Amino acid sequence: MPVLETPDGRYIVVKGRLWRRTNPKLNEEQRDRLVKALMDARRGVKEAKRAEDEAAMKRARAAVDAAKHGLGERGPVWWTDGAPDQNRRMVANTTYAEWYAGLDAT
C-alpha cells in the first residue's frame, strides 16, 4: 500500500495523523547513516524494555530523538517558507483538512 503524502511533501498521513517526513535535502549518505542510527536506537529501546533497565532506556530514547532530529522529523522544520509545523496532529484539524476530506470524494 503506498504511503499517503501531503501535496507539499512535508508529511505522510498514518491513520489520519500527520507525521513529518525526512528532510529531502539530506544526501543519501547522511540519510542512510541517520536511519541506521535510528534503527539501532529503536533496537536499544526494545532491549532496555526487555531488561527493565531504566538507564539504558533513557539512553536509547535519547538516541532515537537525536536520530529523528538529524533526519528533520523532529525539531526545527526543514522548510523555509514560514509554514507552521503540524507534526503529529490529526489531519482534519490542520491546514490539510480540505485536501484530506477531498480524498474521500475521489
N, C-alpha and C. Protein backbone atom coordinates (compact mmCIF):
# COMPACT_ATOMS: atom_id res chain seq x y z
N MET A 1 0.84 -1.18 0.00
CA MET A 1 0.00 0.00 0.00
C MET A 1 0.88 1.25 0.00
N PRO A 2 0.67 2.18 -0.92
CA PRO A 2 1.51 3.38 -0.99
C PRO A 2 1.26 4.29 0.20
N VAL A 3 2.29 5.03 0.55
CA VAL A 3 2.21 5.98 1.66
C VAL A 3 1.49 7.23 1.15
N LEU A 4 0.53 7.71 1.92
CA LEU A 4 -0.19 8.94 1.57
C LEU A 4 0.66 10.12 2.02
N GLU A 5 0.98 10.96 1.07
CA GLU A 5 1.85 12.11 1.31
C GLU A 5 1.08 13.38 1.04
N THR A 6 1.29 14.41 1.87
CA THR A 6 0.63 15.69 1.64
C THR A 6 1.13 16.27 0.32
N PRO A 7 0.32 17.12 -0.32
CA PRO A 7 0.71 17.68 -1.62
C PRO A 7 2.06 18.40 -1.63
N ASP A 8 2.43 19.00 -0.50
CA ASP A 8 3.70 19.72 -0.44
C ASP A 8 4.88 18.82 -0.05
N GLY A 9 4.60 17.55 0.25
CA GLY A 9 5.66 16.60 0.58
C GLY A 9 6.26 16.74 1.96
N ARG A 10 5.61 17.50 2.83
CA ARG A 10 6.16 17.70 4.17
C ARG A 10 5.79 16.60 5.15
N TYR A 11 4.66 15.96 4.92
CA TYR A 11 4.16 14.97 5.87
C TYR A 11 3.67 13.72 5.14
N ILE A 12 3.61 12.64 5.90
CA ILE A 12 2.85 11.47 5.48
C ILE A 12 1.65 11.40 6.42
N VAL A 13 0.61 10.70 5.98
CA VAL A 13 -0.58 10.56 6.80
C VAL A 13 -0.70 9.09 7.20
N VAL A 14 -0.77 8.85 8.49
CA VAL A 14 -0.93 7.50 9.03
C VAL A 14 -2.11 7.52 9.99
N LYS A 15 -3.14 6.74 9.65
CA LYS A 15 -4.35 6.67 10.48
C LYS A 15 -4.90 8.05 10.79
N GLY A 16 -4.90 8.92 9.78
CA GLY A 16 -5.47 10.25 9.93
C GLY A 16 -4.60 11.26 10.65
N ARG A 17 -3.36 10.90 10.92
CA ARG A 17 -2.45 11.78 11.66
C ARG A 17 -1.25 12.14 10.76
N LEU A 18 -0.81 13.40 10.85
CA LEU A 18 0.36 13.85 10.09
C LEU A 18 1.64 13.49 10.82
N TRP A 19 2.61 13.01 10.06
CA TRP A 19 3.95 12.72 10.58
C TRP A 19 4.95 13.37 9.64
N ARG A 20 5.82 14.19 10.20
CA ARG A 20 6.79 14.92 9.38
C ARG A 20 7.73 13.96 8.65
N ARG A 21 7.96 14.25 7.38
CA ARG A 21 8.85 13.44 6.56
C ARG A 21 10.30 13.83 6.80
N THR A 22 11.17 12.96 6.39
CA THR A 22 12.61 13.23 6.45
C THR A 22 12.94 14.40 5.54
N ASN A 23 13.89 15.20 5.94
CA ASN A 23 14.33 16.34 5.16
C ASN A 23 14.85 15.86 3.80
N PRO A 24 14.21 16.26 2.70
CA PRO A 24 14.65 15.80 1.39
C PRO A 24 15.99 16.37 0.95
N LYS A 25 16.50 17.36 1.67
CA LYS A 25 17.79 17.95 1.31
C LYS A 25 18.97 17.16 1.86
N LEU A 26 18.71 16.16 2.70
CA LEU A 26 19.80 15.30 3.18
C LEU A 26 20.33 14.49 2.02
N ASN A 27 21.64 14.36 1.94
CA ASN A 27 22.17 13.50 0.88
C ASN A 27 22.00 12.04 1.30
N GLU A 28 22.16 11.15 0.36
CA GLU A 28 21.89 9.73 0.60
C GLU A 28 22.75 9.17 1.74
N GLU A 29 24.01 9.58 1.79
CA GLU A 29 24.91 9.09 2.83
C GLU A 29 24.45 9.54 4.23
N GLN A 30 24.08 10.82 4.34
CA GLN A 30 23.59 11.33 5.63
C GLN A 30 22.33 10.59 6.05
N ARG A 31 21.40 10.48 5.11
CA ARG A 31 20.13 9.82 5.41
C ARG A 31 20.36 8.38 5.85
N ASP A 32 21.17 7.64 5.10
CA ASP A 32 21.45 6.24 5.43
C ASP A 32 22.06 6.10 6.82
N ARG A 33 23.02 6.99 7.13
CA ARG A 33 23.68 6.95 8.44
C ARG A 33 22.68 7.21 9.56
N LEU A 34 21.81 8.20 9.37
CA LEU A 34 20.83 8.54 10.39
C LEU A 34 19.75 7.47 10.54
N VAL A 35 19.33 6.88 9.44
CA VAL A 35 18.33 5.80 9.51
C VAL A 35 18.92 4.60 10.25
N LYS A 36 20.18 4.29 9.97
CA LYS A 36 20.84 3.18 10.68
C LYS A 36 20.91 3.48 12.18
N ALA A 37 21.26 4.72 12.52
CA ALA A 37 21.32 5.11 13.93
C ALA A 37 19.94 5.01 14.58
N LEU A 38 18.91 5.40 13.85
CA LEU A 38 17.55 5.32 14.37
C LEU A 38 17.15 3.86 14.63
N MET A 39 17.43 2.99 13.68
CA MET A 39 17.07 1.58 13.84
C MET A 39 17.85 0.95 15.01
N ASP A 40 19.13 1.30 15.12
CA ASP A 40 19.94 0.80 16.25
C ASP A 40 19.34 1.28 17.58
N ALA A 41 18.94 2.55 17.62
CA ALA A 41 18.38 3.12 18.84
C ALA A 41 17.05 2.46 19.18
N ARG A 42 16.23 2.18 18.18
CA ARG A 42 14.95 1.52 18.43
C ARG A 42 15.16 0.10 18.96
N ARG A 43 16.17 -0.57 18.44
CA ARG A 43 16.51 -1.89 18.99
C ARG A 43 16.96 -1.75 20.44
N GLY A 44 17.69 -0.67 20.73
CA GLY A 44 18.12 -0.41 22.10
C GLY A 44 16.95 -0.19 23.04
N VAL A 45 15.91 0.49 22.56
CA VAL A 45 14.70 0.68 23.36
C VAL A 45 14.06 -0.67 23.67
N LYS A 46 13.96 -1.49 22.65
CA LYS A 46 13.35 -2.82 22.82
C LYS A 46 14.14 -3.66 23.84
N GLU A 47 15.46 -3.64 23.70
CA GLU A 47 16.30 -4.41 24.62
C GLU A 47 16.22 -3.88 26.05
N ALA A 48 16.17 -2.56 26.19
CA ALA A 48 16.07 -1.95 27.52
C ALA A 48 14.74 -2.29 28.17
N LYS A 49 13.67 -2.31 27.38
CA LYS A 49 12.36 -2.70 27.92
C LYS A 49 12.41 -4.14 28.42
N ARG A 50 12.97 -5.00 27.59
CA ARG A 50 13.03 -6.42 27.95
C ARG A 50 13.84 -6.62 29.23
N ALA A 51 14.92 -5.86 29.36
CA ALA A 51 15.80 -5.98 30.52
C ALA A 51 15.31 -5.15 31.72
N GLU A 52 14.26 -4.35 31.49
CA GLU A 52 13.76 -3.44 32.53
C GLU A 52 14.87 -2.56 33.09
N ASP A 53 15.69 -2.04 32.17
CA ASP A 53 16.85 -1.21 32.52
C ASP A 53 16.52 0.25 32.21
N GLU A 54 16.16 1.01 33.24
CA GLU A 54 15.76 2.40 33.06
C GLU A 54 16.87 3.28 32.49
N ALA A 55 18.10 3.08 32.92
CA ALA A 55 19.21 3.89 32.42
C ALA A 55 19.43 3.62 30.93
N ALA A 56 19.39 2.36 30.55
CA ALA A 56 19.55 2.01 29.14
C ALA A 56 18.38 2.55 28.32
N MET A 57 17.19 2.52 28.90
CA MET A 57 16.01 3.06 28.22
C MET A 57 16.17 4.55 27.96
N LYS A 58 16.65 5.27 28.96
CA LYS A 58 16.85 6.71 28.81
C LYS A 58 17.87 7.01 27.70
N ARG A 59 18.96 6.26 27.68
CA ARG A 59 19.98 6.45 26.64
C ARG A 59 19.42 6.11 25.26
N ALA A 60 18.70 5.02 25.16
CA ALA A 60 18.15 4.58 23.87
C ALA A 60 17.12 5.59 23.34
N ARG A 61 16.26 6.07 24.22
CA ARG A 61 15.27 7.06 23.79
C ARG A 61 15.93 8.38 23.37
N ALA A 62 17.00 8.75 24.04
CA ALA A 62 17.74 9.95 23.64
C ALA A 62 18.38 9.74 22.26
N ALA A 63 18.85 8.53 22.00
CA ALA A 63 19.44 8.22 20.69
C ALA A 63 18.38 8.25 19.59
N VAL A 64 17.17 7.76 19.88
CA VAL A 64 16.07 7.84 18.92
C VAL A 64 15.78 9.30 18.62
N ASP A 65 15.67 10.11 19.65
CA ASP A 65 15.37 11.53 19.49
C ASP A 65 16.45 12.23 18.67
N ALA A 66 17.71 11.93 18.95
CA ALA A 66 18.81 12.56 18.20
C ALA A 66 18.75 12.19 16.72
N ALA A 67 18.48 10.93 16.42
CA ALA A 67 18.40 10.50 15.02
C ALA A 67 17.23 11.19 14.33
N LYS A 68 16.09 11.27 15.00
CA LYS A 68 14.91 11.92 14.40
C LYS A 68 15.15 13.41 14.19
N HIS A 69 15.86 14.05 15.10
CA HIS A 69 16.23 15.45 14.88
C HIS A 69 17.14 15.57 13.66
N GLY A 70 18.11 14.68 13.56
CA GLY A 70 19.02 14.71 12.42
C GLY A 70 18.31 14.51 11.09
N LEU A 71 17.32 13.65 11.10
CA LEU A 71 16.54 13.38 9.88
C LEU A 71 15.57 14.52 9.55
N GLY A 72 15.34 15.42 10.51
CA GLY A 72 14.40 16.51 10.29
C GLY A 72 12.98 16.16 10.65
N GLU A 73 12.77 14.99 11.25
CA GLU A 73 11.42 14.57 11.63
C GLU A 73 10.97 15.18 12.95
N ARG A 74 11.90 15.73 13.70
CA ARG A 74 11.62 16.45 14.94
C ARG A 74 12.49 17.70 14.95
N GLY A 75 12.19 18.60 15.87
CA GLY A 75 12.99 19.81 15.99
C GLY A 75 12.55 20.86 14.99
N PRO A 76 13.43 21.78 14.67
CA PRO A 76 13.07 22.85 13.73
C PRO A 76 12.66 22.26 12.38
N VAL A 77 11.69 22.91 11.76
CA VAL A 77 11.24 22.43 10.45
C VAL A 77 12.32 22.63 9.41
N TRP A 78 12.28 21.81 8.37
CA TRP A 78 13.30 21.90 7.33
C TRP A 78 12.87 22.76 6.15
N TRP A 79 11.63 23.19 6.11
CA TRP A 79 11.20 24.07 5.04
C TRP A 79 11.41 25.51 5.47
N THR A 80 11.42 26.41 4.50
CA THR A 80 11.83 27.79 4.79
C THR A 80 10.77 28.84 4.48
N ASP A 81 9.54 28.43 4.21
CA ASP A 81 8.51 29.41 3.83
C ASP A 81 7.71 29.95 5.01
N GLY A 82 8.09 29.56 6.23
CA GLY A 82 7.41 30.06 7.42
C GLY A 82 6.16 29.30 7.80
N ALA A 83 5.80 28.26 7.05
CA ALA A 83 4.61 27.47 7.39
C ALA A 83 4.82 26.78 8.74
N PRO A 84 3.77 26.72 9.56
CA PRO A 84 3.91 26.12 10.89
C PRO A 84 4.09 24.61 10.82
N ASP A 85 4.64 24.07 11.87
CA ASP A 85 4.79 22.62 11.99
C ASP A 85 3.46 22.04 12.48
N GLN A 86 2.96 21.06 11.78
CA GLN A 86 1.70 20.42 12.15
C GLN A 86 1.91 18.94 12.46
N ASN A 87 3.15 18.61 12.78
CA ASN A 87 3.53 17.23 13.07
C ASN A 87 2.69 16.64 14.19
N ARG A 88 2.27 15.41 14.01
CA ARG A 88 1.52 14.61 14.99
C ARG A 88 0.08 15.06 15.19
N ARG A 89 -0.37 16.01 14.44
CA ARG A 89 -1.76 16.47 14.59
C ARG A 89 -2.68 15.66 13.68
N MET A 90 -3.91 15.54 14.08
CA MET A 90 -4.89 14.89 13.22
C MET A 90 -5.08 15.77 12.00
N VAL A 91 -5.00 15.18 10.83
CA VAL A 91 -5.03 15.95 9.59
C VAL A 91 -6.31 16.77 9.46
N ALA A 92 -7.41 16.28 9.99
CA ALA A 92 -8.68 17.00 9.92
C ALA A 92 -8.64 18.32 10.70
N ASN A 93 -7.66 18.49 11.58
CA ASN A 93 -7.53 19.71 12.39
C ASN A 93 -6.37 20.58 11.93
N THR A 94 -5.99 20.44 10.67
CA THR A 94 -4.84 21.19 10.14
C THR A 94 -5.21 21.91 8.85
N THR A 95 -4.25 22.61 8.30
CA THR A 95 -4.47 23.29 7.02
C THR A 95 -4.63 22.30 5.87
N TYR A 96 -4.41 21.03 6.11
CA TYR A 96 -4.58 19.99 5.09
C TYR A 96 -5.97 19.36 5.13
N ALA A 97 -6.84 19.83 6.00
CA ALA A 97 -8.15 19.21 6.22
C ALA A 97 -8.97 19.14 4.93
N GLU A 98 -9.05 20.22 4.18
CA GLU A 98 -9.85 20.23 2.95
C GLU A 98 -9.29 19.26 1.92
N TRP A 99 -7.98 19.26 1.76
CA TRP A 99 -7.34 18.31 0.85
C TRP A 99 -7.66 16.88 1.24
N TYR A 100 -7.52 16.59 2.53
CA TYR A 100 -7.74 15.23 3.03
C TYR A 100 -9.21 14.80 2.86
N ALA A 101 -10.11 15.70 3.18
CA ALA A 101 -11.54 15.39 3.02
C ALA A 101 -11.87 15.13 1.56
N GLY A 102 -11.23 15.83 0.66
CA GLY A 102 -11.45 15.65 -0.77
C GLY A 102 -10.99 14.31 -1.29
N LEU A 103 -10.11 13.64 -0.56
CA LEU A 103 -9.63 12.32 -1.00
C LEU A 103 -10.75 11.30 -0.94
N ASP A 104 -11.68 11.45 0.00
CA ASP A 104 -12.81 10.54 0.11
C ASP A 104 -13.74 10.63 -1.08
N ALA A 105 -13.78 11.81 -1.70
CA ALA A 105 -14.68 12.03 -2.83
C ALA A 105 -14.16 11.41 -4.12
N THR A 106 -12.87 11.07 -4.14
CA THR A 106 -12.30 10.52 -5.39
C THR A 106 -12.33 9.02 -5.40
